[in-house]
Amino acid sequence: MQKPYKKKNIPKKKILTAAKKIKLLILDVDGVLTDGSIILDNHGNELKFFHVRDGHGIKMLMLSGVHVALITGRQSQVVEKRADELGIRDVFQKCYDKKIAYDELIRKYSLDDSEIAYVGDDIVDIPILKKVGFPVVVADAHEEVKAFAHMITTKEGGRGAVREICDLLLQAKGLREDLTDGNP
């Protein structure tokens, strides 16, 4: 078994160096883009809550040329709608083996593992967290998963964690000021 990353021993400079290389950000959905709650109404319709700042961060990152993809084990029309609103084209739902979607994305964009960031929250995310150049978990991730991250967000899933990662990636690429000055 591969040893987990020692997140506490990774200096900020090394994190920024890894983040600077990122050309694709892959996000889990439940527990990362949402707080992990699944709300069903009396008619069986599923509701999910997304944080508006996460969406804005994703849009800024995509404007900077970084691709964004979603991989989730669940199937939901709500996820399709949110991805469409944000302009995310690569959406893999009902994906029980996330490595299959991951490999498809690597082929599609001709990327190396070091050029990919992944944000997860649970044990099903560990195989991809082990592969990518910049593995990230949200603050409220399962404890076992945190050992595999180069970075743990200060925000919880669905509460601004994705924006935190987007801001870091933009900062690492030296693009944060360009976007806040209105010059994407």
N, C-alpha and C. Protein backbone atom coordinates (compact mmCIF):
# COMPACT_ATOMS: atom_id res chain seq x y z
N MET A 1 0.84 -1.19 0.00
CA MET A 1 0.00 0.00 0.00
C MET A 1 0.88 1.25 0.00
N GLN A 2 0.53 2.21 -0.82
CA GLN A 2 1.28 3.46 -0.90
C GLN A 2 1.08 4.26 0.38
N LYS A 3 2.17 4.85 0.87
CA LYS A 3 2.07 5.67 2.08
C LYS A 3 1.34 6.97 1.77
N PRO A 4 0.52 7.43 2.71
CA PRO A 4 -0.18 8.71 2.48
C PRO A 4 0.79 9.88 2.50
N TYR A 5 0.37 10.95 1.84
CA TYR A 5 1.15 12.17 1.85
C TYR A 5 1.16 12.75 3.26
N LYS A 6 2.25 13.36 3.63
CA LYS A 6 2.34 14.02 4.93
C LYS A 6 2.00 15.49 4.75
N LYS A 7 0.73 15.80 4.88
CA LYS A 7 0.26 17.16 4.59
C LYS A 7 0.91 18.22 5.45
N LYS A 8 1.24 17.88 6.69
CA LYS A 8 1.81 18.87 7.60
C LYS A 8 3.25 19.21 7.23
N ASN A 9 3.92 18.36 6.46
CA ASN A 9 5.30 18.60 6.08
C ASN A 9 5.44 19.28 4.73
N ILE A 10 4.35 19.66 4.11
CA ILE A 10 4.42 20.27 2.79
C ILE A 10 4.37 21.78 2.94
N PRO A 11 5.51 22.44 2.64
CA PRO A 11 5.54 23.90 2.77
C PRO A 11 4.66 24.58 1.72
N LYS A 12 4.18 25.76 2.06
CA LYS A 12 3.30 26.52 1.16
C LYS A 12 3.95 26.73 -0.21
N LYS A 13 5.27 26.95 -0.24
CA LYS A 13 5.95 27.16 -1.51
C LYS A 13 5.82 25.94 -2.42
N LYS A 14 5.91 24.75 -1.84
CA LYS A 14 5.77 23.52 -2.63
C LYS A 14 4.33 23.36 -3.10
N ILE A 15 3.37 23.74 -2.27
CA ILE A 15 1.96 23.68 -2.66
C ILE A 15 1.72 24.61 -3.84
N LEU A 16 2.24 25.83 -3.78
CA LEU A 16 2.06 26.78 -4.88
C LEU A 16 2.75 26.31 -6.15
N THR A 17 3.90 25.65 -6.02
CA THR A 17 4.61 25.12 -7.18
C THR A 17 3.77 24.04 -7.85
N ALA A 18 3.19 23.14 -7.06
CA ALA A 18 2.32 22.10 -7.62
C ALA A 18 1.07 22.72 -8.24
N ALA A 19 0.49 23.70 -7.57
CA ALA A 19 -0.73 24.34 -8.05
C ALA A 19 -0.50 25.08 -9.36
N LYS A 20 0.67 25.62 -9.54
CA LYS A 20 0.98 26.39 -10.76
C LYS A 20 0.90 25.51 -12.02
N LYS A 21 1.17 24.22 -11.88
CA LYS A 21 1.18 23.30 -13.02
C LYS A 21 -0.22 22.84 -13.45
N ILE A 22 -1.23 23.11 -12.64
CA ILE A 22 -2.55 22.51 -12.85
C ILE A 22 -3.25 23.06 -14.09
N LYS A 23 -3.70 22.11 -14.94
CA LYS A 23 -4.45 22.44 -16.15
C LYS A 23 -5.87 21.88 -16.11
N LEU A 24 -6.12 21.00 -15.12
CA LEU A 24 -7.44 20.40 -14.96
C LEU A 24 -7.75 20.26 -13.48
N LEU A 25 -8.89 20.78 -13.07
CA LEU A 25 -9.39 20.62 -11.71
C LEU A 25 -10.59 19.68 -11.77
N ILE A 26 -10.49 18.55 -11.06
CA ILE A 26 -11.59 17.59 -11.00
C ILE A 26 -12.20 17.69 -9.61
N LEU A 27 -13.53 17.79 -9.58
CA LEU A 27 -14.25 17.91 -8.32
C LEU A 27 -15.22 16.76 -8.13
N ASP A 28 -15.23 16.21 -6.92
CA ASP A 28 -16.33 15.35 -6.51
C ASP A 28 -17.51 16.30 -6.30
N VAL A 29 -18.72 15.79 -6.23
CA VAL A 29 -19.88 16.67 -6.06
C VAL A 29 -20.39 16.65 -4.62
N ASP A 30 -20.98 15.52 -4.20
CA ASP A 30 -21.57 15.45 -2.86
C ASP A 30 -20.48 15.47 -1.79
N GLY A 31 -20.52 16.50 -0.96
CA GLY A 31 -19.51 16.67 0.08
C GLY A 31 -18.40 17.62 -0.31
N VAL A 32 -18.33 18.00 -1.58
CA VAL A 32 -17.33 18.96 -2.05
C VAL A 32 -18.02 20.20 -2.60
N LEU A 33 -18.78 20.04 -3.68
CA LEU A 33 -19.57 21.16 -4.21
C LEU A 33 -20.82 21.40 -3.37
N THR A 34 -21.26 20.36 -2.67
CA THR A 34 -22.39 20.49 -1.75
C THR A 34 -21.92 20.09 -0.36
N ASP A 35 -22.78 20.28 0.63
CA ASP A 35 -22.39 19.88 1.99
C ASP A 35 -22.61 18.40 2.23
N GLY A 36 -23.01 17.68 1.21
CA GLY A 36 -23.22 16.24 1.32
C GLY A 36 -24.64 15.86 1.65
N SER A 37 -25.49 16.83 1.94
CA SER A 37 -26.89 16.54 2.23
C SER A 37 -27.62 16.14 0.95
N ILE A 38 -28.52 15.19 1.08
CA ILE A 38 -29.38 14.81 -0.02
C ILE A 38 -30.81 15.06 0.46
N ILE A 39 -31.48 16.00 -0.16
CA ILE A 39 -32.81 16.40 0.25
C ILE A 39 -33.80 15.91 -0.80
N LEU A 40 -34.79 15.15 -0.36
CA LEU A 40 -35.82 14.65 -1.26
C LEU A 40 -37.16 15.24 -0.83
N ASP A 41 -37.92 15.78 -1.81
CA ASP A 41 -39.25 16.29 -1.48
C ASP A 41 -40.26 15.14 -1.51
N ASN A 42 -41.52 15.44 -1.26
CA ASN A 42 -42.57 14.41 -1.21
C ASN A 42 -42.78 13.70 -2.54
N HIS A 43 -42.30 14.30 -3.61
CA HIS A 43 -42.47 13.71 -4.94
C HIS A 43 -41.20 12.97 -5.40
N GLY A 44 -40.21 12.88 -4.52
CA GLY A 44 -38.97 12.18 -4.86
C GLY A 44 -37.98 13.04 -5.61
N ASN A 45 -38.25 14.33 -5.75
CA ASN A 45 -37.32 15.24 -6.41
C ASN A 45 -36.15 15.54 -5.49
N GLU A 46 -34.97 15.50 -6.05
CA GLU A 46 -33.77 15.75 -5.27
C GLU A 46 -33.39 17.22 -5.32
N LEU A 47 -33.00 17.75 -4.17
CA LEU A 47 -32.53 19.13 -4.06
C LEU A 47 -31.10 19.12 -3.55
N LYS A 48 -30.29 20.04 -4.04
CA LYS A 48 -28.92 20.21 -3.56
C LYS A 48 -28.67 21.70 -3.41
N PHE A 49 -27.86 22.04 -2.45
CA PHE A 49 -27.48 23.43 -2.23
C PHE A 49 -26.04 23.64 -2.68
N PHE A 50 -25.83 24.63 -3.54
CA PHE A 50 -24.50 24.97 -4.02
C PHE A 50 -24.15 26.38 -3.54
N HIS A 51 -22.89 26.60 -3.22
CA HIS A 51 -22.46 27.92 -2.77
C HIS A 51 -22.13 28.78 -3.98
N VAL A 52 -22.69 29.98 -4.03
CA VAL A 52 -22.51 30.87 -5.18
C VAL A 52 -21.04 31.23 -5.39
N ARG A 53 -20.28 31.38 -4.31
CA ARG A 53 -18.86 31.74 -4.46
C ARG A 53 -18.05 30.59 -5.07
N ASP A 54 -18.44 29.35 -4.79
CA ASP A 54 -17.78 28.22 -5.45
C ASP A 54 -17.97 28.32 -6.96
N GLY A 55 -19.21 28.62 -7.36
CA GLY A 55 -19.50 28.75 -8.78
C GLY A 55 -18.72 29.88 -9.43
N HIS A 56 -18.60 31.00 -8.73
CA HIS A 56 -17.84 32.13 -9.28
C HIS A 56 -16.36 31.77 -9.41
N GLY A 57 -15.83 31.07 -8.43
CA GLY A 57 -14.44 30.63 -8.49
C GLY A 57 -14.20 29.70 -9.67
N ILE A 58 -15.12 28.79 -9.90
CA ILE A 58 -15.01 27.87 -11.04
C ILE A 58 -15.01 28.65 -12.35
N LYS A 59 -15.90 29.61 -12.48
CA LYS A 59 -15.97 30.41 -13.71
C LYS A 59 -14.67 31.19 -13.93
N MET A 60 -14.13 31.79 -12.86
CA MET A 60 -12.86 32.53 -13.01
C MET A 60 -11.73 31.59 -13.42
N LEU A 61 -11.69 30.40 -12.82
CA LEU A 61 -10.65 29.43 -13.15
C LEU A 61 -10.76 29.00 -14.61
N MET A 62 -11.97 28.75 -15.07
CA MET A 62 -12.16 28.36 -16.46
C MET A 62 -11.79 29.50 -17.42
N LEU A 63 -12.08 30.73 -17.03
CA LEU A 63 -11.67 31.88 -17.85
C LEU A 63 -10.15 31.96 -17.99
N SER A 64 -9.45 31.47 -16.98
CA SER A 64 -7.99 31.50 -17.01
C SER A 64 -7.40 30.37 -17.84
N GLY A 65 -8.26 29.47 -18.35
CA GLY A 65 -7.78 28.38 -19.20
C GLY A 65 -7.68 27.03 -18.52
N VAL A 66 -8.03 26.93 -17.25
CA VAL A 66 -8.01 25.65 -16.55
C VAL A 66 -9.35 24.94 -16.80
N HIS A 67 -9.27 23.68 -17.21
CA HIS A 67 -10.48 22.87 -17.40
C HIS A 67 -11.00 22.44 -16.05
N VAL A 68 -12.32 22.29 -15.94
CA VAL A 68 -12.95 21.80 -14.71
C VAL A 68 -13.86 20.65 -15.09
N ALA A 69 -13.80 19.57 -14.30
CA ALA A 69 -14.63 18.39 -14.52
C ALA A 69 -15.26 17.96 -13.20
N LEU A 70 -16.41 17.29 -13.31
CA LEU A 70 -17.09 16.74 -12.15
C LEU A 70 -17.15 15.23 -12.28
N ILE A 71 -16.84 14.53 -11.20
CA ILE A 71 -16.98 13.07 -11.15
C ILE A 71 -17.74 12.74 -9.87
N THR A 72 -18.88 12.06 -10.02
CA THR A 72 -19.69 11.71 -8.86
C THR A 72 -20.25 10.30 -8.99
N GLY A 73 -20.40 9.66 -7.88
CA GLY A 73 -20.97 8.32 -7.86
C GLY A 73 -22.48 8.31 -7.98
N ARG A 74 -23.11 9.46 -7.77
CA ARG A 74 -24.57 9.56 -7.83
C ARG A 74 -25.01 10.12 -9.18
N GLN A 75 -26.28 9.98 -9.47
CA GLN A 75 -26.89 10.52 -10.69
C GLN A 75 -27.92 11.55 -10.27
N SER A 76 -27.85 12.76 -10.82
CA SER A 76 -28.79 13.80 -10.43
C SER A 76 -28.95 14.83 -11.54
N GLN A 77 -30.19 15.15 -11.86
CA GLN A 77 -30.47 16.20 -12.83
C GLN A 77 -30.00 17.56 -12.30
N VAL A 78 -30.00 17.71 -11.00
CA VAL A 78 -29.56 18.96 -10.38
C VAL A 78 -28.08 19.20 -10.71
N VAL A 79 -27.28 18.16 -10.69
CA VAL A 79 -25.85 18.29 -11.01
C VAL A 79 -25.68 18.70 -12.46
N GLU A 80 -26.44 18.07 -13.36
CA GLU A 80 -26.38 18.44 -14.78
C GLU A 80 -26.72 19.91 -14.98
N LYS A 81 -27.77 20.38 -14.30
CA LYS A 81 -28.20 21.76 -14.43
C LYS A 81 -27.13 22.71 -13.92
N ARG A 82 -26.56 22.41 -12.75
CA ARG A 82 -25.53 23.29 -12.19
C ARG A 82 -24.29 23.31 -13.09
N ALA A 83 -23.88 22.15 -13.58
CA ALA A 83 -22.73 22.08 -14.48
C ALA A 83 -22.99 22.91 -15.73
N ASP A 84 -24.19 22.82 -16.27
CA ASP A 84 -24.56 23.57 -17.46
C ASP A 84 -24.50 25.07 -17.19
N GLU A 85 -25.02 25.50 -16.02
CA GLU A 85 -24.98 26.92 -15.65
C GLU A 85 -23.55 27.44 -15.59
N LEU A 86 -22.64 26.60 -15.12
CA LEU A 86 -21.24 27.02 -14.96
C LEU A 86 -20.41 26.81 -16.22
N GLY A 87 -20.94 26.10 -17.20
CA GLY A 87 -20.19 25.84 -18.42
C GLY A 87 -19.23 24.66 -18.29
N ILE A 88 -19.47 23.78 -17.34
CA ILE A 88 -18.64 22.59 -17.16
C ILE A 88 -19.15 21.52 -18.12
N ARG A 89 -18.29 21.10 -19.04
CA ARG A 89 -18.70 20.13 -20.07
C ARG A 89 -18.42 18.69 -19.67
N ASP A 90 -17.41 18.49 -18.86
CA ASP A 90 -17.01 17.13 -18.48
C ASP A 90 -17.67 16.75 -17.16
N VAL A 91 -18.78 16.03 -17.27
CA VAL A 91 -19.55 15.62 -16.09
C VAL A 91 -19.75 14.11 -16.16
N PHE A 92 -19.24 13.42 -15.16
CA PHE A 92 -19.36 11.97 -15.08
C PHE A 92 -20.20 11.63 -13.85
N GLN A 93 -21.41 11.12 -14.10
CA GLN A 93 -22.30 10.76 -13.00
C GLN A 93 -22.48 9.24 -12.97
N LYS A 94 -22.93 8.77 -11.81
CA LYS A 94 -23.12 7.33 -11.59
C LYS A 94 -21.82 6.60 -11.90
N CYS A 95 -20.74 7.21 -11.50
CA CYS A 95 -19.40 6.73 -11.79
C CYS A 95 -18.86 6.03 -10.54
N TYR A 96 -19.03 4.73 -10.50
CA TYR A 96 -18.64 3.98 -9.30
C TYR A 96 -17.13 3.76 -9.23
N ASP A 97 -16.48 3.66 -10.37
CA ASP A 97 -15.02 3.56 -10.42
C ASP A 97 -14.53 4.87 -11.04
N LYS A 98 -14.18 5.81 -10.20
CA LYS A 98 -13.81 7.14 -10.66
C LYS A 98 -12.54 7.14 -11.50
N LYS A 99 -11.73 6.10 -11.38
CA LYS A 99 -10.50 6.01 -12.18
C LYS A 99 -10.81 5.92 -13.68
N ILE A 100 -11.94 5.33 -14.03
CA ILE A 100 -12.31 5.22 -15.45
C ILE A 100 -12.53 6.62 -16.03
N ALA A 101 -13.29 7.45 -15.33
CA ALA A 101 -13.51 8.83 -15.78
C ALA A 101 -12.20 9.61 -15.78
N TYR A 102 -11.39 9.40 -14.74
CA TYR A 102 -10.10 10.08 -14.64
C TYR A 102 -9.23 9.76 -15.86
N ASP A 103 -9.13 8.48 -16.21
CA ASP A 103 -8.32 8.07 -17.36
C ASP A 103 -8.86 8.67 -18.66
N GLU A 104 -10.18 8.77 -18.78
CA GLU A 104 -10.78 9.38 -19.97
C GLU A 104 -10.39 10.86 -20.08
N LEU A 105 -10.39 11.56 -18.95
CA LEU A 105 -10.01 12.98 -18.94
C LEU A 105 -8.53 13.16 -19.29
N ILE A 106 -7.67 12.29 -18.79
CA ILE A 106 -6.24 12.36 -19.12
C ILE A 106 -6.04 12.21 -20.63
N ARG A 107 -6.74 11.24 -21.22
CA ARG A 107 -6.63 11.05 -22.67
C ARG A 107 -7.20 12.24 -23.44
N LYS A 108 -8.37 12.70 -23.02
CA LYS A 108 -9.04 13.80 -23.73
C LYS A 108 -8.16 15.05 -23.79
N TYR A 109 -7.54 15.39 -22.67
CA TYR A 109 -6.76 16.63 -22.60
C TYR A 109 -5.25 16.41 -22.72
N SER A 110 -4.83 15.17 -22.94
CA SER A 110 -3.40 14.82 -23.08
C SER A 110 -2.58 15.39 -21.91
N LEU A 111 -2.99 15.04 -20.71
CA LEU A 111 -2.34 15.57 -19.51
C LEU A 111 -1.57 14.50 -18.78
N ASP A 112 -0.64 14.97 -17.98
CA ASP A 112 0.12 14.14 -17.06
C ASP A 112 -0.54 14.27 -15.69
N ASP A 113 -0.39 13.27 -14.83
CA ASP A 113 -0.97 13.33 -13.49
C ASP A 113 -0.58 14.60 -12.74
N SER A 114 0.64 15.08 -12.95
CA SER A 114 1.13 16.27 -12.24
C SER A 114 0.37 17.54 -12.62
N GLU A 115 -0.39 17.49 -13.72
CA GLU A 115 -1.12 18.67 -14.19
C GLU A 115 -2.59 18.66 -13.75
N ILE A 116 -2.91 17.74 -12.84
CA ILE A 116 -4.30 17.58 -12.42
C ILE A 116 -4.43 17.76 -10.91
N ALA A 117 -5.46 18.51 -10.51
CA ALA A 117 -5.84 18.65 -9.10
C ALA A 117 -7.17 17.92 -8.92
N TYR A 118 -7.34 17.29 -7.78
CA TYR A 118 -8.59 16.61 -7.47
C TYR A 118 -9.01 17.01 -6.07
N VAL A 119 -10.30 17.32 -5.91
CA VAL A 119 -10.84 17.65 -4.60
C VAL A 119 -11.88 16.60 -4.23
N GLY A 120 -11.64 15.92 -3.10
CA GLY A 120 -12.54 14.88 -2.65
C GLY A 120 -12.86 15.02 -1.18
N ASP A 121 -13.63 14.06 -0.67
CA ASP A 121 -14.04 14.11 0.73
C ASP A 121 -14.22 12.74 1.39
N ASP A 122 -14.16 11.66 0.61
CA ASP A 122 -14.45 10.36 1.20
C ASP A 122 -13.52 9.28 0.63
N ILE A 123 -13.61 8.08 1.19
CA ILE A 123 -12.66 7.03 0.85
C ILE A 123 -12.71 6.61 -0.62
N VAL A 124 -13.84 6.79 -1.29
CA VAL A 124 -13.91 6.46 -2.72
C VAL A 124 -13.02 7.37 -3.56
N ASP A 125 -12.57 8.48 -2.97
CA ASP A 125 -11.72 9.43 -3.68
C ASP A 125 -10.22 9.11 -3.56
N ILE A 126 -9.86 8.22 -2.66
CA ILE A 126 -8.45 7.93 -2.39
C ILE A 126 -7.68 7.48 -3.64
N PRO A 127 -8.21 6.57 -4.48
CA PRO A 127 -7.42 6.16 -5.66
C PRO A 127 -6.99 7.33 -6.54
N ILE A 128 -7.87 8.32 -6.74
CA ILE A 128 -7.51 9.47 -7.57
C ILE A 128 -6.61 10.42 -6.79
N LEU A 129 -6.87 10.62 -5.52
CA LEU A 129 -6.00 11.48 -4.70
C LEU A 129 -4.56 10.98 -4.74
N LYS A 130 -4.36 9.67 -4.81
CA LYS A 130 -3.01 9.09 -4.87
C LYS A 130 -2.32 9.39 -6.20
N LYS A 131 -3.09 9.59 -7.26
CA LYS A 131 -2.52 9.74 -8.60
C LYS A 131 -2.17 11.18 -8.98
N VAL A 132 -3.01 12.13 -8.57
CA VAL A 132 -2.89 13.49 -9.08
C VAL A 132 -1.69 14.25 -8.49
N GLY A 133 -1.31 15.31 -9.19
CA GLY A 133 -0.20 16.14 -8.75
C GLY A 133 -0.57 17.04 -7.58
N PHE A 134 -1.86 17.34 -7.45
CA PHE A 134 -2.30 18.23 -6.38
C PHE A 134 -3.59 17.69 -5.75
N PRO A 135 -3.46 16.77 -4.78
CA PRO A 135 -4.63 16.21 -4.11
C PRO A 135 -5.10 17.10 -2.97
N VAL A 136 -6.40 17.38 -2.96
CA VAL A 136 -6.99 18.28 -1.97
C VAL A 136 -8.23 17.61 -1.38
N VAL A 137 -8.45 17.83 -0.09
CA VAL A 137 -9.70 17.40 0.54
C VAL A 137 -10.29 18.59 1.28
N VAL A 138 -11.62 18.54 1.45
CA VAL A 138 -12.31 19.61 2.17
C VAL A 138 -12.15 19.42 3.67
N ALA A 139 -12.37 20.50 4.41
CA ALA A 139 -12.14 20.51 5.86
C ALA A 139 -12.91 19.41 6.59
N ASP A 140 -14.12 19.11 6.14
CA ASP A 140 -14.94 18.11 6.81
C ASP A 140 -14.89 16.74 6.14
N ALA A 141 -13.79 16.47 5.43
CA ALA A 141 -13.61 15.17 4.79
C ALA A 141 -13.48 14.07 5.84
N HIS A 142 -13.73 12.85 5.42
CA HIS A 142 -13.52 11.69 6.28
C HIS A 142 -12.07 11.70 6.76
N GLU A 143 -11.85 11.43 8.01
CA GLU A 143 -10.51 11.53 8.61
C GLU A 143 -9.46 10.72 7.86
N GLU A 144 -9.80 9.52 7.42
CA GLU A 144 -8.86 8.65 6.72
C GLU A 144 -8.37 9.29 5.42
N VAL A 145 -9.23 10.04 4.76
CA VAL A 145 -8.92 10.64 3.46
C VAL A 145 -7.93 11.79 3.60
N LYS A 146 -7.99 12.48 4.73
CA LYS A 146 -7.13 13.65 4.93
C LYS A 146 -5.65 13.32 4.83
N ALA A 147 -5.28 12.11 5.15
CA ALA A 147 -3.88 11.70 5.09
C ALA A 147 -3.32 11.70 3.67
N PHE A 148 -4.17 11.67 2.68
CA PHE A 148 -3.73 11.60 1.29
C PHE A 148 -3.66 12.96 0.59
N ALA A 149 -3.95 14.02 1.32
CA ALA A 149 -4.03 15.35 0.72
C ALA A 149 -2.75 16.14 0.88
N HIS A 150 -2.43 16.91 -0.15
CA HIS A 150 -1.37 17.91 -0.02
C HIS A 150 -1.92 19.15 0.67
N MET A 151 -3.23 19.31 0.56
CA MET A 151 -3.87 20.47 1.17
C MET A 151 -5.25 20.09 1.68
N ILE A 152 -5.60 20.62 2.83
CA ILE A 152 -6.95 20.49 3.39
C ILE A 152 -7.51 21.90 3.45
N THR A 153 -8.65 22.11 2.83
CA THR A 153 -9.24 23.46 2.83
C THR A 153 -9.62 23.88 4.24
N THR A 154 -9.73 25.16 4.45
CA THR A 154 -10.22 25.65 5.74
C THR A 154 -11.74 25.68 5.77
N LYS A 155 -12.35 25.69 4.59
CA LYS A 155 -13.81 25.71 4.47
C LYS A 155 -14.33 24.28 4.26
N GLU A 156 -15.55 24.04 4.69
CA GLU A 156 -16.18 22.74 4.50
C GLU A 156 -16.78 22.63 3.10
N GLY A 157 -17.04 21.40 2.69
CA GLY A 157 -17.68 21.15 1.41
C GLY A 157 -19.01 21.85 1.31
N GLY A 158 -19.27 22.48 0.15
CA GLY A 158 -20.52 23.20 -0.06
C GLY A 158 -20.59 24.54 0.63
N ARG A 159 -19.50 24.94 1.27
CA ARG A 159 -19.48 26.19 2.04
C ARG A 159 -18.26 27.06 1.68
N GLY A 160 -17.84 26.97 0.41
CA GLY A 160 -16.74 27.82 -0.04
C GLY A 160 -15.41 27.11 -0.20
N ALA A 161 -15.35 25.80 0.00
CA ALA A 161 -14.10 25.06 -0.14
C ALA A 161 -13.57 25.11 -1.58
N VAL A 162 -14.47 24.97 -2.54
CA VAL A 162 -14.04 24.97 -3.95
C VAL A 162 -13.50 26.35 -4.33
N ARG A 163 -14.13 27.41 -3.85
CA ARG A 163 -13.63 28.76 -4.13
C ARG A 163 -12.22 28.92 -3.57
N GLU A 164 -11.99 28.37 -2.39
CA GLU A 164 -10.67 28.43 -1.78
C GLU A 164 -9.61 27.80 -2.69
N ILE A 165 -9.93 26.67 -3.29
CA ILE A 165 -8.99 26.00 -4.20
C ILE A 165 -8.83 26.81 -5.48
N CYS A 166 -9.92 27.29 -6.03
CA CYS A 166 -9.84 28.10 -7.26
C CYS A 166 -8.96 29.33 -7.03
N ASP A 167 -9.15 30.01 -5.91
CA ASP A 167 -8.35 31.19 -5.61
C ASP A 167 -6.86 30.84 -5.50
N LEU A 168 -6.57 29.71 -4.86
CA LEU A 168 -5.17 29.28 -4.71
C LEU A 168 -4.55 28.98 -6.08
N LEU A 169 -5.29 28.28 -6.94
CA LEU A 169 -4.77 27.96 -8.27
C LEU A 169 -4.52 29.23 -9.08
N LEU A 170 -5.44 30.18 -8.99
CA LEU A 170 -5.26 31.45 -9.70
C LEU A 170 -4.06 32.23 -9.14
N GLN A 171 -3.91 32.23 -7.83
CA GLN A 171 -2.77 32.89 -7.20
C GLN A 171 -1.46 32.25 -7.64
N ALA A 172 -1.41 30.93 -7.65
CA ALA A 172 -0.19 30.21 -8.03
C ALA A 172 0.21 30.52 -9.47
N LYS A 173 -0.78 30.75 -10.33
CA LYS A 173 -0.52 31.05 -11.73
C LYS A 173 -0.30 32.55 -11.97
N GLY A 174 -0.38 33.34 -10.90
CA GLY A 174 -0.19 34.77 -11.02
C GLY A 174 -1.34 35.49 -11.70
N LEU A 175 -2.54 34.89 -11.66
CA LEU A 175 -3.69 35.44 -12.38
C LEU A 175 -4.73 36.07 -11.47
N ARG A 176 -4.56 35.98 -10.19
CA ARG A 176 -5.58 36.47 -9.25
C ARG A 176 -5.85 37.96 -9.45
N GLU A 177 -4.82 38.77 -9.55
CA GLU A 177 -5.01 40.21 -9.70
C GLU A 177 -5.63 40.55 -11.04
N ASP A 178 -5.24 39.82 -12.10
CA ASP A 178 -5.83 40.08 -13.42
C ASP A 178 -7.34 39.93 -13.39
N LEU A 179 -7.82 38.92 -12.71
CA LEU A 179 -9.26 38.68 -12.67
C LEU A 179 -9.98 39.68 -11.78
N THR A 180 -9.35 40.08 -10.69
CA THR A 180 -10.01 41.05 -9.81
C THR A 180 -9.95 42.45 -10.40
N ASP A 181 -9.02 42.68 -11.34
CA ASP A 181 -8.96 43.98 -12.02
C ASP A 181 -9.83 44.01 -13.28
N GLY A 182 -10.49 42.90 -13.58
CA GLY A 182 -11.35 42.84 -14.76
C GLY A 182 -10.62 42.56 -16.05
N ASN A 183 -9.43 41.94 -15.96
CA ASN A 183 -8.64 41.64 -17.16
C ASN A 183 -8.37 40.14 -17.28
N PRO A 184 -9.40 39.32 -17.53
CA PRO A 184 -9.17 37.87 -17.61
C PRO A 184 -8.32 37.49 -18.80
